[in-house]
């Protein structure tokens, strides 16, 4: 059971690392440009991607931190 949870966690990290920009920009284009219907699941996913983007901006520009502070990356 624990290995399945680790696999799901890793899959989620990879999904949001590569897809957050596409979802963040693409969903409003689809909703307002192509008049897609409301979808609560995609709306929640979009908000989550927005929060991840805000976190990345705060880490990069406000706190001026890297995910690799030790210099061994």
C-alpha atoms as a PDB file:
ATOM      1  CA  UNK A   1       0.000   0.000   0.000  1.00  0.00           C
ATOM      2  CA  UNK A   2       2.822   2.383   0.856  1.00  0.00           C
ATOM      3  CA  UNK A   3       4.524   1.828  -2.498  1.00  0.00           C
ATOM      4  CA  UNK A   4       1.284   2.657  -4.320  1.00  0.00           C
ATOM      5  CA  UNK A   5       0.997   5.937  -2.412  1.00  0.00           C
ATOM      6  CA  UNK A   6       4.621   6.814  -3.220  1.00  0.00           C
ATOM      7  CA  UNK A   7       3.967   6.081  -6.881  1.00  0.00           C
ATOM      8  CA  UNK A   8       0.864   8.286  -6.906  1.00  0.00           C
ATOM      9  CA  UNK A   9       2.794  11.067  -5.177  1.00  0.00           C
ATOM     10  CA  UNK A  10       5.579  10.887  -7.759  1.00  0.00           C
ATOM     11  CA  UNK A  11       3.084  10.876 -10.594  1.00  0.00           C
ATOM     12  CA  UNK A  12       1.370  13.956  -9.152  1.00  0.00           C
ATOM     13  CA  UNK A  13       4.665  15.806  -8.857  1.00  0.00           C
ATOM     14  CA  UNK A  14       5.587  15.069 -12.474  1.00  0.00           C
ATOM     15  CA  UNK A  15       2.106  15.935 -13.721  1.00  0.00           C
ATOM     16  CA  UNK A  16       1.978  19.327 -12.046  1.00  0.00           C
ATOM     17  CA  UNK A  17       5.614  20.147 -12.848  1.00  0.00           C
ATOM     18  CA  UNK A  18       4.992  19.852 -16.579  1.00  0.00           C
ATOM     19  CA  UNK A  19       1.298  20.669 -16.879  1.00  0.00           C
ATOM     20  CA  UNK A  20       0.758  23.644 -14.545  1.00  0.00           C
ATOM     21  CA  UNK A  21       1.643  26.239 -17.188  1.00  0.00           C
ATOM     22  CA  UNK A  22      -0.498  24.582 -19.848  1.00  0.00           C
ATOM     23  CA  UNK A  23      -3.484  24.311 -17.508  1.00  0.00           C
ATOM     24  CA  UNK A  24      -2.999  27.833 -16.147  1.00  0.00           C
ATOM     25  CA  UNK A  25      -3.007  29.423 -19.611  1.00  0.00           C
ATOM     26  CA  UNK A  26      -5.091  26.934 -21.562  1.00  0.00           C
ATOM     27  CA  UNK A  27      -8.178  26.601 -19.404  1.00  0.00           C
ATOM     28  CA  UNK A  28      -9.177  30.302 -19.568  1.00  0.00           C
ATOM     29  CA  UNK A  29      -8.592  30.231 -23.319  1.00  0.00           C
ATOM     30  CA  UNK A  30     -10.868  27.220 -23.655  1.00  0.00           C
ATOM     31  CA  UNK A  31     -13.541  28.657 -21.358  1.00  0.00           C
ATOM     32  CA  UNK A  32     -13.741  32.152 -22.768  1.00  0.00           C
ATOM     33  CA  UNK A  33     -12.342  31.740 -26.262  1.00  0.00           C
ATOM     34  CA  UNK A  34     -14.013  28.491 -27.304  1.00  0.00           C
ATOM     35  CA  UNK A  35     -16.926  28.695 -24.841  1.00  0.00           C
ATOM     36  CA  UNK A  36     -16.394  25.380 -23.057  1.00  0.00           C
ATOM     37  CA  UNK A  37     -18.912  24.566 -20.332  1.00  0.00           C
ATOM     38  CA  UNK A  38     -18.144  24.897 -16.620  1.00  0.00           C
ATOM     39  CA  UNK A  39     -16.337  21.971 -15.059  1.00  0.00           C
ATOM     40  CA  UNK A  40     -15.765  22.115 -11.305  1.00  0.00           C
ATOM     41  CA  UNK A  41     -12.928  19.572 -11.373  1.00  0.00           C
ATOM     42  CA  UNK A  42     -10.930  21.540 -13.924  1.00  0.00           C
ATOM     43  CA  UNK A  43     -11.709  24.770 -12.065  1.00  0.00           C
ATOM     44  CA  UNK A  44     -10.254  23.320  -8.848  1.00  0.00           C
ATOM     45  CA  UNK A  45      -7.264  22.001 -10.791  1.00  0.00           C
ATOM     46  CA  UNK A  46      -6.739  25.467 -12.293  1.00  0.00           C
ATOM     47  CA  UNK A  47      -6.804  27.111  -8.849  1.00  0.00           C
ATOM     48  CA  UNK A  48      -4.301  24.545  -7.585  1.00  0.00           C
ATOM     49  CA  UNK A  49      -1.995  25.297 -10.537  1.00  0.00           C
ATOM     50  CA  UNK A  50      -2.365  29.028  -9.823  1.00  0.00           C
ATOM     51  CA  UNK A  51      -1.297  28.463  -6.217  1.00  0.00           C
ATOM     52  CA  UNK A  52       1.711  26.441  -7.382  1.00  0.00           C
ATOM     53  CA  UNK A  53       2.692  29.244  -9.756  1.00  0.00           C
ATOM     54  CA  UNK A  54       2.402  31.854  -7.000  1.00  0.00           C
ATOM     55  CA  UNK A  55       4.550  29.668  -4.755  1.00  0.00           C
ATOM     56  CA  UNK A  56       7.214  29.409  -7.477  1.00  0.00           C
ATOM     57  CA  UNK A  57       7.239  33.184  -7.977  1.00  0.00           C
ATOM     58  CA  UNK A  58       7.512  33.838  -4.229  1.00  0.00           C
ATOM     59  CA  UNK A  59      10.382  31.366  -3.866  1.00  0.00           C
ATOM     60  CA  UNK A  60      12.248  32.702  -6.894  1.00  0.00           C
ATOM     61  CA  UNK A  61      11.839  36.459  -6.595  1.00  0.00           C
ATOM     62  CA  UNK A  62      10.678  37.345  -3.086  1.00  0.00           C
ATOM     63  CA  UNK A  63      12.575  34.868  -0.910  1.00  0.00           C
ATOM     64  CA  UNK A  64      15.348  34.433  -3.529  1.00  0.00           C
ATOM     65  CA  UNK A  65      15.667  30.782  -2.660  1.00  0.00           C
ATOM     66  CA  UNK A  66      16.384  27.826  -4.805  1.00  0.00           C
ATOM     67  CA  UNK A  67      15.197  24.299  -4.337  1.00  0.00           C
ATOM     68  CA  UNK A  68      18.905  23.452  -4.116  1.00  0.00           C
ATOM     69  CA  UNK A  69      20.383  25.716  -1.432  1.00  0.00           C
ATOM     70  CA  UNK A  70      23.288  23.438  -0.572  1.00  0.00           C
ATOM     71  CA  UNK A  71      25.053  23.999  -3.917  1.00  0.00           C
ATOM     72  CA  UNK A  72      25.439  20.291  -4.658  1.00  0.00           C
ATOM     73  CA  UNK A  73      22.885  20.092  -7.461  1.00  0.00           C
END
